[in-house]
Amino acid sequence: MGLFKSKEERKLERDMEIRKSLSEIKRTIRGLEKHETDYIKKAKRAKQIGAQDQLTFIKRSIKQTAAQKKALERQLLAIETAVQRKSQMEAHAQFAKSLVVVSKAISEVFADVNLAETQKNFEKAMAKAETFEQQVDVFLEASQDTMFNEQAYSDDIVSDKEIDALIEDEVAHDESKSMDVDIEKGLGEIEKQLRQKE
């Protein structure tokens, strides 16, 4: 491995690091969704057996998990947006480089073309692109600091009412399934008795 990396190699490494970060965040979000589902099942069981202390603890865990998931989803969105902007800036930079090449070719044919002015304008454009990239880095750092503070677990993000609704839906669904089984069983018994009478 060479001691000094080319600009292309450094860009490739940065792009790979970004993709790795995005994959890691997505994997973590999927894990949190699974935890949320498991907690809801446990809350449903706690409600059914009347374990109020356990239900309270599990509801708090659901709330924290949901809040963390929302925070990560926001972070993912911020990074994806920044990556898209980076891609756009790279396209602009490539266009600017092409202009320099074209300008140089024209200057060889037409000696009066001001290549120095073109170069100066190009350097200004590149400086702006670099400043934008630095601003994106600052924005992502700020996003990470604010998305995982204590406010992330406040009622503003996931309320107790939302958690209760999730648990109630699961309990109602189970009760409905249980009632359907009882009805099917009852109908089977009636049908059996009618056949015996025949």
N, C-alpha and C. Protein backbone atom coordinates (compact mmCIF):
# COMPACT_ATOMS: atom_id res chain seq x y z
N MET A 1 0.85 -1.20 0.00
CA MET A 1 0.00 0.00 0.00
C MET A 1 0.88 1.25 0.00
N GLY A 2 0.63 2.17 -0.90
CA GLY A 2 1.43 3.39 -0.98
C GLY A 2 1.20 4.29 0.21
N LEU A 3 2.23 5.05 0.53
CA LEU A 3 2.14 5.97 1.66
C LEU A 3 1.15 7.10 1.38
N PHE A 4 1.16 7.59 0.15
CA PHE A 4 0.27 8.68 -0.22
C PHE A 4 -0.82 8.16 -1.15
N LYS A 5 -2.06 8.49 -0.81
CA LYS A 5 -3.19 8.03 -1.61
C LYS A 5 -3.59 9.11 -2.60
N SER A 6 -4.04 8.66 -3.76
CA SER A 6 -4.50 9.61 -4.77
C SER A 6 -5.84 10.19 -4.35
N LYS A 7 -6.21 11.26 -5.02
CA LYS A 7 -7.50 11.91 -4.74
C LYS A 7 -8.65 10.93 -4.97
N GLU A 8 -8.54 10.13 -6.04
CA GLU A 8 -9.59 9.15 -6.36
C GLU A 8 -9.70 8.08 -5.28
N GLU A 9 -8.54 7.62 -4.78
CA GLU A 9 -8.55 6.61 -3.72
C GLU A 9 -9.19 7.15 -2.45
N ARG A 10 -8.85 8.40 -2.10
CA ARG A 10 -9.45 9.00 -0.90
C ARG A 10 -10.96 9.15 -1.06
N LYS A 11 -11.40 9.56 -2.27
CA LYS A 11 -12.84 9.72 -2.55
C LYS A 11 -13.55 8.37 -2.43
N LEU A 12 -12.92 7.32 -2.99
CA LEU A 12 -13.50 5.98 -2.94
C LEU A 12 -13.64 5.51 -1.49
N GLU A 13 -12.61 5.76 -0.68
CA GLU A 13 -12.65 5.38 0.74
C GLU A 13 -13.76 6.12 1.48
N ARG A 14 -13.91 7.43 1.19
CA ARG A 14 -14.97 8.21 1.83
C ARG A 14 -16.35 7.68 1.45
N ASP A 15 -16.53 7.37 0.16
CA ASP A 15 -17.81 6.85 -0.31
C ASP A 15 -18.15 5.51 0.34
N MET A 16 -17.11 4.65 0.47
CA MET A 16 -17.33 3.35 1.11
C MET A 16 -17.69 3.52 2.59
N GLU A 17 -17.06 4.47 3.25
CA GLU A 17 -17.34 4.75 4.66
C GLU A 17 -18.78 5.24 4.85
N ILE A 18 -19.23 6.10 3.91
CA ILE A 18 -20.60 6.61 3.97
C ILE A 18 -21.60 5.47 3.80
N ARG A 19 -21.34 4.61 2.79
CA ARG A 19 -22.24 3.47 2.56
C ARG A 19 -22.29 2.54 3.77
N LYS A 20 -21.13 2.33 4.38
CA LYS A 20 -21.05 1.48 5.57
C LYS A 20 -21.88 2.08 6.71
N SER A 21 -21.77 3.40 6.90
CA SER A 21 -22.53 4.08 7.96
C SER A 21 -24.04 3.96 7.72
N LEU A 22 -24.46 4.17 6.47
CA LEU A 22 -25.88 4.07 6.14
C LEU A 22 -26.41 2.65 6.40
N SER A 23 -25.62 1.64 5.99
CA SER A 23 -26.03 0.24 6.22
C SER A 23 -26.15 -0.05 7.70
N GLU A 24 -25.22 0.47 8.49
CA GLU A 24 -25.23 0.24 9.95
C GLU A 24 -26.47 0.87 10.59
N ILE A 25 -26.80 2.09 10.18
CA ILE A 25 -27.98 2.76 10.73
C ILE A 25 -29.25 1.99 10.37
N LYS A 26 -29.35 1.55 9.09
CA LYS A 26 -30.52 0.79 8.65
C LYS A 26 -30.66 -0.52 9.43
N ARG A 27 -29.50 -1.18 9.67
CA ARG A 27 -29.51 -2.44 10.43
C ARG A 27 -29.98 -2.19 11.87
N THR A 28 -29.52 -1.10 12.45
CA THR A 28 -29.93 -0.76 13.82
C THR A 28 -31.42 -0.46 13.89
N ILE A 29 -31.95 0.24 12.89
CA ILE A 29 -33.39 0.55 12.85
C ILE A 29 -34.20 -0.74 12.77
N ARG A 30 -33.75 -1.70 11.93
CA ARG A 30 -34.46 -2.99 11.84
C ARG A 30 -34.45 -3.71 13.18
N GLY A 31 -33.31 -3.65 13.87
CA GLY A 31 -33.21 -4.27 15.20
C GLY A 31 -34.17 -3.64 16.19
N LEU A 32 -34.27 -2.31 16.16
CA LEU A 32 -35.18 -1.60 17.07
C LEU A 32 -36.64 -1.94 16.77
N GLU A 33 -36.97 -2.11 15.48
CA GLU A 33 -38.34 -2.49 15.11
C GLU A 33 -38.68 -3.86 15.70
N LYS A 34 -37.70 -4.78 15.66
CA LYS A 34 -37.92 -6.12 16.23
C LYS A 34 -38.11 -6.03 17.74
N HIS A 35 -37.27 -5.22 18.40
CA HIS A 35 -37.43 -5.03 19.85
C HIS A 35 -38.81 -4.47 20.18
N GLU A 36 -39.25 -3.48 19.39
CA GLU A 36 -40.54 -2.84 19.62
C GLU A 36 -41.67 -3.88 19.53
N THR A 37 -41.61 -4.74 18.50
CA THR A 37 -42.62 -5.79 18.33
C THR A 37 -42.61 -6.75 19.52
N ASP A 38 -41.41 -7.15 19.95
CA ASP A 38 -41.29 -8.08 21.10
C ASP A 38 -41.82 -7.44 22.38
N TYR A 39 -41.50 -6.15 22.59
CA TYR A 39 -42.00 -5.46 23.79
C TYR A 39 -43.53 -5.39 23.79
N ILE A 40 -44.11 -5.13 22.62
CA ILE A 40 -45.58 -5.04 22.54
C ILE A 40 -46.21 -6.38 22.92
N LYS A 41 -45.61 -7.48 22.44
CA LYS A 41 -46.12 -8.82 22.80
C LYS A 41 -46.05 -9.04 24.31
N LYS A 42 -44.93 -8.60 24.90
CA LYS A 42 -44.76 -8.77 26.35
C LYS A 42 -45.76 -7.89 27.11
N ALA A 43 -45.98 -6.68 26.61
CA ALA A 43 -46.94 -5.77 27.27
C ALA A 43 -48.34 -6.37 27.22
N LYS A 44 -48.67 -7.00 26.11
CA LYS A 44 -49.97 -7.63 25.95
C LYS A 44 -50.14 -8.75 26.98
N ARG A 45 -49.07 -9.56 27.15
CA ARG A 45 -49.15 -10.64 28.14
C ARG A 45 -49.28 -10.08 29.55
N ALA A 46 -48.52 -9.02 29.83
CA ALA A 46 -48.58 -8.40 31.17
C ALA A 46 -49.98 -7.86 31.44
N LYS A 47 -50.60 -7.29 30.44
CA LYS A 47 -51.96 -6.74 30.59
C LYS A 47 -52.96 -7.87 30.82
N GLN A 48 -52.78 -8.97 30.09
CA GLN A 48 -53.70 -10.10 30.21
C GLN A 48 -53.64 -10.76 31.59
N ILE A 49 -52.42 -10.81 32.16
CA ILE A 49 -52.29 -11.46 33.48
C ILE A 49 -52.38 -10.46 34.64
N GLY A 50 -52.59 -9.18 34.31
CA GLY A 50 -52.78 -8.16 35.34
C GLY A 50 -51.51 -7.76 36.07
N ALA A 51 -50.34 -7.90 35.42
CA ALA A 51 -49.05 -7.52 36.03
C ALA A 51 -48.79 -6.04 35.72
N GLN A 52 -49.39 -5.16 36.52
CA GLN A 52 -49.34 -3.73 36.23
C GLN A 52 -47.93 -3.15 36.32
N ASP A 53 -47.14 -3.62 37.31
CA ASP A 53 -45.78 -3.09 37.45
C ASP A 53 -44.93 -3.45 36.22
N GLN A 54 -45.06 -4.70 35.75
CA GLN A 54 -44.35 -5.11 34.54
C GLN A 54 -44.84 -4.34 33.32
N LEU A 55 -46.14 -4.13 33.24
CA LEU A 55 -46.71 -3.39 32.11
C LEU A 55 -46.14 -1.97 32.05
N THR A 56 -46.04 -1.32 33.20
CA THR A 56 -45.49 0.04 33.25
C THR A 56 -44.05 0.07 32.77
N PHE A 57 -43.26 -0.91 33.23
CA PHE A 57 -41.85 -0.97 32.83
C PHE A 57 -41.72 -1.23 31.32
N ILE A 58 -42.52 -2.17 30.81
CA ILE A 58 -42.45 -2.52 29.38
C ILE A 58 -42.90 -1.35 28.52
N LYS A 59 -43.93 -0.62 28.97
CA LYS A 59 -44.40 0.55 28.22
C LYS A 59 -43.29 1.60 28.11
N ARG A 60 -42.53 1.76 29.20
CA ARG A 60 -41.42 2.71 29.18
C ARG A 60 -40.34 2.25 28.19
N SER A 61 -40.12 0.94 28.13
CA SER A 61 -39.14 0.39 27.19
C SER A 61 -39.61 0.58 25.74
N ILE A 62 -40.90 0.40 25.50
CA ILE A 62 -41.45 0.61 24.15
C ILE A 62 -41.25 2.07 23.75
N LYS A 63 -41.54 2.96 24.69
CA LYS A 63 -41.43 4.39 24.41
C LYS A 63 -39.99 4.77 24.06
N GLN A 64 -39.03 4.29 24.83
CA GLN A 64 -37.63 4.61 24.57
C GLN A 64 -37.16 4.02 23.24
N THR A 65 -37.60 2.79 22.96
CA THR A 65 -37.22 2.14 21.71
C THR A 65 -37.79 2.89 20.51
N ALA A 66 -39.06 3.27 20.59
CA ALA A 66 -39.70 4.00 19.49
C ALA A 66 -39.04 5.36 19.28
N ALA A 67 -38.69 6.02 20.38
CA ALA A 67 -38.03 7.33 20.27
C ALA A 67 -36.64 7.20 19.65
N GLN A 68 -35.91 6.17 20.05
CA GLN A 68 -34.58 5.95 19.48
C GLN A 68 -34.68 5.64 17.99
N LYS A 69 -35.70 4.85 17.62
CA LYS A 69 -35.90 4.52 16.20
C LYS A 69 -36.19 5.77 15.38
N LYS A 70 -37.05 6.65 15.92
CA LYS A 70 -37.38 7.89 15.21
C LYS A 70 -36.14 8.77 15.06
N ALA A 71 -35.32 8.83 16.12
CA ALA A 71 -34.11 9.64 16.07
C ALA A 71 -33.15 9.11 15.01
N LEU A 72 -33.00 7.79 14.93
CA LEU A 72 -32.13 7.20 13.92
C LEU A 72 -32.67 7.41 12.52
N GLU A 73 -33.99 7.35 12.38
CA GLU A 73 -34.60 7.58 11.06
C GLU A 73 -34.32 9.02 10.60
N ARG A 74 -34.37 9.97 11.54
CA ARG A 74 -34.05 11.36 11.21
C ARG A 74 -32.58 11.49 10.81
N GLN A 75 -31.71 10.82 11.55
CA GLN A 75 -30.29 10.87 11.25
C GLN A 75 -30.02 10.26 9.87
N LEU A 76 -30.68 9.14 9.58
CA LEU A 76 -30.53 8.49 8.28
C LEU A 76 -30.96 9.42 7.15
N LEU A 77 -32.08 10.09 7.36
CA LEU A 77 -32.58 11.03 6.35
C LEU A 77 -31.59 12.18 6.13
N ALA A 78 -31.02 12.68 7.23
CA ALA A 78 -30.05 13.79 7.12
C ALA A 78 -28.81 13.35 6.33
N ILE A 79 -28.32 12.15 6.61
CA ILE A 79 -27.12 11.66 5.91
C ILE A 79 -27.44 11.41 4.44
N GLU A 80 -28.58 10.77 4.17
CA GLU A 80 -28.95 10.49 2.77
C GLU A 80 -29.09 11.79 1.97
N THR A 81 -29.66 12.82 2.61
CA THR A 81 -29.79 14.12 1.94
C THR A 81 -28.42 14.73 1.67
N ALA A 82 -27.53 14.64 2.65
CA ALA A 82 -26.19 15.18 2.50
C ALA A 82 -25.42 14.44 1.40
N VAL A 83 -25.59 13.13 1.32
CA VAL A 83 -24.92 12.33 0.29
C VAL A 83 -25.42 12.75 -1.10
N GLN A 84 -26.74 12.98 -1.19
CA GLN A 84 -27.30 13.43 -2.47
C GLN A 84 -26.73 14.78 -2.88
N ARG A 85 -26.63 15.70 -1.90
CA ARG A 85 -26.06 17.03 -2.19
C ARG A 85 -24.58 16.90 -2.60
N LYS A 86 -23.86 16.00 -1.92
CA LYS A 86 -22.44 15.77 -2.25
C LYS A 86 -22.33 15.29 -3.70
N SER A 87 -23.21 14.38 -4.09
CA SER A 87 -23.20 13.87 -5.46
C SER A 87 -23.45 14.99 -6.47
N GLN A 88 -24.39 15.88 -6.12
CA GLN A 88 -24.67 17.02 -7.00
C GLN A 88 -23.45 17.94 -7.12
N MET A 89 -22.80 18.20 -5.97
CA MET A 89 -21.63 19.07 -5.98
C MET A 89 -20.50 18.46 -6.81
N GLU A 90 -20.34 17.13 -6.72
CA GLU A 90 -19.31 16.47 -7.51
C GLU A 90 -19.59 16.60 -9.00
N ALA A 91 -20.89 16.52 -9.37
CA ALA A 91 -21.27 16.67 -10.78
C ALA A 91 -20.93 18.09 -11.25
N HIS A 92 -21.20 19.09 -10.39
CA HIS A 92 -20.86 20.48 -10.73
C HIS A 92 -19.35 20.65 -10.88
N ALA A 93 -18.60 20.01 -9.98
CA ALA A 93 -17.13 20.11 -10.03
C ALA A 93 -16.61 19.49 -11.32
N GLN A 94 -17.20 18.36 -11.71
CA GLN A 94 -16.77 17.70 -12.95
C GLN A 94 -17.06 18.59 -14.16
N PHE A 95 -18.22 19.24 -14.10
CA PHE A 95 -18.59 20.17 -15.18
C PHE A 95 -17.57 21.32 -15.25
N ALA A 96 -17.20 21.84 -14.06
CA ALA A 96 -16.24 22.94 -14.01
C ALA A 96 -14.88 22.50 -14.57
N LYS A 97 -14.46 21.25 -14.23
CA LYS A 97 -13.19 20.73 -14.75
C LYS A 97 -13.24 20.62 -16.27
N SER A 98 -14.39 20.16 -16.76
CA SER A 98 -14.55 20.04 -18.22
C SER A 98 -14.43 21.41 -18.88
N LEU A 99 -15.00 22.43 -18.24
CA LEU A 99 -14.90 23.79 -18.78
C LEU A 99 -13.45 24.24 -18.86
N VAL A 100 -12.67 23.90 -17.83
CA VAL A 100 -11.26 24.28 -17.82
C VAL A 100 -10.53 23.62 -18.99
N VAL A 101 -10.81 22.33 -19.21
CA VAL A 101 -10.17 21.61 -20.31
C VAL A 101 -10.54 22.25 -21.66
N VAL A 102 -11.84 22.54 -21.80
CA VAL A 102 -12.32 23.17 -23.04
C VAL A 102 -11.66 24.54 -23.20
N SER A 103 -11.61 25.30 -22.11
CA SER A 103 -11.00 26.63 -22.16
C SER A 103 -9.54 26.55 -22.58
N LYS A 104 -8.84 25.55 -22.05
CA LYS A 104 -7.42 25.38 -22.38
C LYS A 104 -7.26 25.06 -23.87
N ALA A 105 -8.14 24.18 -24.36
CA ALA A 105 -8.08 23.80 -25.78
C ALA A 105 -8.34 25.01 -26.67
N ILE A 106 -9.33 25.82 -26.27
CA ILE A 106 -9.65 27.02 -27.06
C ILE A 106 -8.49 28.01 -27.01
N SER A 107 -7.86 28.12 -25.84
CA SER A 107 -6.76 29.09 -25.71
C SER A 107 -5.57 28.73 -26.59
N GLU A 108 -5.42 27.43 -26.84
CA GLU A 108 -4.32 27.01 -27.72
C GLU A 108 -4.59 27.45 -29.16
N VAL A 109 -5.88 27.51 -29.51
CA VAL A 109 -6.24 27.94 -30.86
C VAL A 109 -6.32 29.46 -30.92
N PHE A 110 -6.93 30.04 -29.90
CA PHE A 110 -7.11 31.49 -29.85
C PHE A 110 -6.26 32.04 -28.70
N ALA A 111 -5.16 32.61 -29.02
CA ALA A 111 -4.21 33.06 -28.00
C ALA A 111 -4.76 34.15 -27.09
N ASP A 112 -5.82 34.84 -27.53
CA ASP A 112 -6.34 35.93 -26.72
C ASP A 112 -7.32 35.47 -25.63
N VAL A 113 -7.58 34.16 -25.52
CA VAL A 113 -8.48 33.67 -24.46
C VAL A 113 -7.77 33.81 -23.11
N ASN A 114 -8.48 34.35 -22.13
CA ASN A 114 -7.89 34.61 -20.82
C ASN A 114 -8.01 33.36 -19.93
N LEU A 115 -7.04 32.49 -20.01
CA LEU A 115 -7.05 31.25 -19.24
C LEU A 115 -6.89 31.52 -17.74
N ALA A 116 -6.12 32.55 -17.41
CA ALA A 116 -5.92 32.89 -16.00
C ALA A 116 -7.25 33.23 -15.33
N GLU A 117 -8.10 33.96 -16.03
CA GLU A 117 -9.42 34.33 -15.49
C GLU A 117 -10.29 33.08 -15.30
N THR A 118 -10.24 32.19 -16.29
CA THR A 118 -11.00 30.94 -16.20
C THR A 118 -10.53 30.13 -15.00
N GLN A 119 -9.21 30.04 -14.84
CA GLN A 119 -8.64 29.29 -13.71
C GLN A 119 -9.07 29.89 -12.37
N LYS A 120 -9.03 31.24 -12.31
CA LYS A 120 -9.42 31.93 -11.07
C LYS A 120 -10.88 31.63 -10.73
N ASN A 121 -11.76 31.69 -11.73
CA ASN A 121 -13.19 31.39 -11.52
C ASN A 121 -13.40 29.94 -11.08
N PHE A 122 -12.63 29.07 -11.70
CA PHE A 122 -12.73 27.65 -11.35
C PHE A 122 -12.32 27.43 -9.89
N GLU A 123 -11.23 28.05 -9.46
CA GLU A 123 -10.76 27.90 -8.08
C GLU A 123 -11.79 28.44 -7.09
N LYS A 124 -12.45 29.52 -7.47
CA LYS A 124 -13.51 30.06 -6.61
C LYS A 124 -14.64 29.05 -6.46
N ALA A 125 -15.03 28.45 -7.59
CA ALA A 125 -16.12 27.46 -7.58
C ALA A 125 -15.74 26.26 -6.70
N MET A 126 -14.49 25.80 -6.81
CA MET A 126 -14.04 24.67 -6.00
C MET A 126 -13.99 25.02 -4.52
N ALA A 127 -13.59 26.24 -4.20
CA ALA A 127 -13.56 26.69 -2.80
C ALA A 127 -14.97 26.68 -2.22
N LYS A 128 -15.95 27.11 -3.02
CA LYS A 128 -17.34 27.10 -2.55
C LYS A 128 -17.82 25.67 -2.30
N ALA A 129 -17.46 24.76 -3.20
CA ALA A 129 -17.85 23.35 -3.04
C ALA A 129 -17.25 22.77 -1.77
N GLU A 130 -15.98 23.11 -1.50
CA GLU A 130 -15.31 22.61 -0.30
C GLU A 130 -15.97 23.17 0.96
N THR A 131 -16.33 24.47 0.92
CA THR A 131 -17.01 25.09 2.07
C THR A 131 -18.34 24.40 2.32
N PHE A 132 -19.07 24.09 1.24
CA PHE A 132 -20.36 23.40 1.39
C PHE A 132 -20.17 22.04 2.06
N GLU A 133 -19.14 21.30 1.63
CA GLU A 133 -18.88 19.98 2.21
C GLU A 133 -18.57 20.11 3.70
N GLN A 134 -17.81 21.14 4.09
CA GLN A 134 -17.50 21.36 5.50
C GLN A 134 -18.78 21.68 6.28
N GLN A 135 -19.66 22.47 5.65
CA GLN A 135 -20.93 22.81 6.31
C GLN A 135 -21.78 21.56 6.51
N VAL A 136 -21.77 20.65 5.54
CA VAL A 136 -22.52 19.38 5.67
C VAL A 136 -21.97 18.58 6.84
N ASP A 137 -20.62 18.52 6.98
CA ASP A 137 -20.01 17.79 8.09
C ASP A 137 -20.45 18.37 9.43
N VAL A 138 -20.43 19.70 9.53
CA VAL A 138 -20.85 20.38 10.78
C VAL A 138 -22.32 20.06 11.06
N PHE A 139 -23.15 20.11 10.01
CA PHE A 139 -24.58 19.82 10.17
C PHE A 139 -24.80 18.41 10.69
N LEU A 140 -24.08 17.42 10.11
CA LEU A 140 -24.25 16.03 10.54
C LEU A 140 -23.80 15.84 11.98
N GLU A 141 -22.70 16.51 12.37
CA GLU A 141 -22.24 16.41 13.76
C GLU A 141 -23.27 17.01 14.71
N ALA A 142 -23.83 18.15 14.32
CA ALA A 142 -24.84 18.81 15.16
C ALA A 142 -26.08 17.94 15.25
N SER A 143 -26.47 17.31 14.14
CA SER A 143 -27.65 16.44 14.13
C SER A 143 -27.46 15.28 15.09
N GLN A 144 -26.25 14.69 15.06
CA GLN A 144 -26.00 13.55 15.92
C GLN A 144 -26.06 13.95 17.39
N ASP A 145 -25.53 15.13 17.71
CA ASP A 145 -25.55 15.59 19.10
C ASP A 145 -26.96 15.83 19.61
N THR A 146 -27.81 16.40 18.75
CA THR A 146 -29.15 16.77 19.21
C THR A 146 -30.15 15.64 19.14
N MET A 147 -29.92 14.66 18.27
CA MET A 147 -30.91 13.61 18.10
C MET A 147 -30.91 12.57 19.20
N PHE A 148 -29.79 12.49 19.96
CA PHE A 148 -29.72 11.47 20.99
C PHE A 148 -29.70 12.04 22.41
N ASN A 149 -30.16 13.29 22.54
CA ASN A 149 -30.21 13.85 23.90
C ASN A 149 -31.45 13.36 24.62
N GLU A 150 -31.62 13.80 25.85
CA GLU A 150 -32.73 13.31 26.66
C GLU A 150 -34.09 13.66 26.10
N GLN A 151 -34.15 14.73 25.32
CA GLN A 151 -35.43 15.13 24.74
C GLN A 151 -35.97 14.09 23.80
N ALA A 152 -35.06 13.24 23.27
CA ALA A 152 -35.51 12.22 22.32
C ALA A 152 -36.52 11.27 22.94
N TYR A 153 -36.54 11.20 24.28
CA TYR A 153 -37.45 10.27 24.94
C TYR A 153 -38.64 10.99 25.58
N SER A 154 -38.88 12.22 25.18
CA SER A 154 -39.99 12.97 25.77
C SER A 154 -41.30 12.58 25.13
N ASP A 155 -42.41 13.04 25.76
CA ASP A 155 -43.75 12.73 25.25
C ASP A 155 -43.99 13.34 23.89
N ASP A 156 -43.17 14.33 23.48
CA ASP A 156 -43.36 14.96 22.17
C ASP A 156 -43.15 13.97 21.05
N ILE A 157 -42.28 12.98 21.26
CA ILE A 157 -41.97 12.04 20.19
C ILE A 157 -42.92 10.85 20.21
N VAL A 158 -43.04 10.16 21.34
CA VAL A 158 -43.96 9.03 21.46
C VAL A 158 -44.72 9.18 22.77
N SER A 159 -46.01 9.33 22.69
CA SER A 159 -46.80 9.56 23.90
C SER A 159 -47.25 8.24 24.52
N ASP A 160 -47.62 8.31 25.82
CA ASP A 160 -48.17 7.13 26.51
C ASP A 160 -49.43 6.66 25.82
N LYS A 161 -50.20 7.59 25.28
CA LYS A 161 -51.44 7.25 24.59
C LYS A 161 -51.17 6.35 23.37
N GLU A 162 -50.10 6.69 22.61
CA GLU A 162 -49.74 5.88 21.44
C GLU A 162 -49.33 4.46 21.86
N ILE A 163 -48.56 4.36 22.95
CA ILE A 163 -48.12 3.05 23.43
C ILE A 163 -49.33 2.23 23.88
N ASP A 164 -50.25 2.87 24.64
CA ASP A 164 -51.47 2.18 25.08
C ASP A 164 -52.28 1.67 23.90
N ALA A 165 -52.37 2.48 22.85
CA ALA A 165 -53.15 2.10 21.66
C ALA A 165 -52.53 0.87 20.99
N LEU A 166 -51.20 0.82 20.91
CA LEU A 166 -50.53 -0.35 20.32
C LEU A 166 -50.87 -1.63 21.09
N ILE A 167 -50.79 -1.52 22.42
CA ILE A 167 -51.04 -2.70 23.26
C ILE A 167 -52.51 -3.11 23.17
N GLU A 168 -53.43 -2.14 23.23
CA GLU A 168 -54.87 -2.43 23.14
C GLU A 168 -55.21 -3.13 21.83
N ASP A 169 -54.61 -2.67 20.73
CA ASP A 169 -54.86 -3.30 19.42
C ASP A 169 -54.47 -4.76 19.43
N GLU A 170 -53.30 -5.05 20.03
CA GLU A 170 -52.83 -6.44 20.09
C GLU A 170 -53.76 -7.30 20.93
N VAL A 171 -54.18 -6.79 22.09
CA VAL A 171 -55.08 -7.54 22.98
C VAL A 171 -56.41 -7.79 22.29
N ALA A 172 -56.98 -6.75 21.66
CA ALA A 172 -58.26 -6.89 20.96
C ALA A 172 -58.16 -7.91 19.85
N HIS A 173 -57.03 -7.91 19.14
CA HIS A 173 -56.83 -8.85 18.04
C HIS A 173 -56.84 -10.29 18.56
N ASP A 174 -56.13 -10.52 19.70
CA ASP A 174 -56.09 -11.86 20.30
C ASP A 174 -57.47 -12.31 20.78
N GLU A 175 -58.20 -11.39 21.41
CA GLU A 175 -59.55 -11.73 21.91
C GLU A 175 -60.48 -12.07 20.76
N SER A 176 -60.34 -11.34 19.65
CA SER A 176 -61.17 -11.59 18.47
C SER A 176 -60.88 -12.97 17.90
N LYS A 177 -59.59 -13.34 17.85
CA LYS A 177 -59.22 -14.66 17.34
C LYS A 177 -59.76 -15.76 18.25
N SER A 178 -59.67 -15.53 19.56
CA SER A 178 -60.16 -16.51 20.53
C SER A 178 -61.67 -16.70 20.38
N MET A 179 -62.42 -15.60 20.16
CA MET A 179 -63.87 -15.66 20.00
C MET A 179 -64.23 -16.43 18.72
N ASP A 180 -63.46 -16.20 17.65
CA ASP A 180 -63.70 -16.91 16.39
C ASP A 180 -63.54 -18.41 16.57
N VAL A 181 -62.52 -18.82 17.33
CA VAL A 181 -62.28 -20.25 17.59
C VAL A 181 -63.46 -20.84 18.36
N ASP A 182 -63.96 -20.10 19.38
CA ASP A 182 -65.11 -20.58 20.17
C ASP A 182 -66.35 -20.74 19.31
N ILE A 183 -66.58 -19.79 18.42
CA ILE A 183 -67.76 -19.85 17.53
C ILE A 183 -67.65 -21.05 16.61
N GLU A 184 -66.46 -21.26 16.02
CA GLU A 184 -66.24 -22.40 15.13
C GLU A 184 -66.50 -23.71 15.87
N LYS A 185 -66.03 -23.78 17.09
CA LYS A 185 -66.20 -24.98 17.90
C LYS A 185 -67.68 -25.24 18.18
N GLY A 186 -68.38 -24.16 18.52
CA GLY A 186 -69.82 -24.28 18.80
C GLY A 186 -70.59 -24.73 17.58
N LEU A 187 -70.30 -24.17 16.44
CA LEU A 187 -70.97 -24.57 15.19
C LEU A 187 -70.69 -26.04 14.85
N GLY A 188 -69.46 -26.45 15.12
CA GLY A 188 -69.09 -27.86 14.88
C GLY A 188 -69.92 -28.80 15.73
N GLU A 189 -70.12 -28.40 17.01
CA GLU A 189 -70.92 -29.23 17.93
C GLU A 189 -72.36 -29.34 17.46
N ILE A 190 -72.94 -28.20 17.03
CA ILE A 190 -74.33 -28.18 16.54
C ILE A 190 -74.47 -29.08 15.32
N GLU A 191 -73.51 -28.95 14.40
CA GLU A 191 -73.54 -29.77 13.18
C GLU A 191 -73.46 -31.26 13.51
N LYS A 192 -72.63 -31.57 14.49
CA LYS A 192 -72.46 -32.97 14.91
C LYS A 192 -73.76 -33.52 15.48
N GLN A 193 -74.43 -32.71 16.31
CA GLN A 193 -75.70 -33.13 16.92
C GLN A 193 -76.80 -33.31 15.85
N LEU A 194 -76.82 -32.44 14.87
CA LEU A 194 -77.83 -32.55 13.80
C LEU A 194 -77.63 -33.83 12.99
N ARG A 195 -76.37 -34.18 12.75
CA ARG A 195 -76.09 -35.41 12.02
C ARG A 195 -76.55 -36.65 12.80
N GLN A 196 -76.34 -36.61 14.11
CA GLN A 196 -76.75 -37.75 14.95
C GLN A 196 -78.27 -37.94 14.95
N LYS A 197 -79.01 -36.81 14.88
CA LYS A 197 -80.48 -36.88 14.87
C LYS A 197 -80.99 -37.47 13.56
N GLU A 198 -80.25 -37.26 12.49
CA GLU A 198 -80.65 -37.81 11.20
C GLU A 198 -80.49 -39.31 11.22
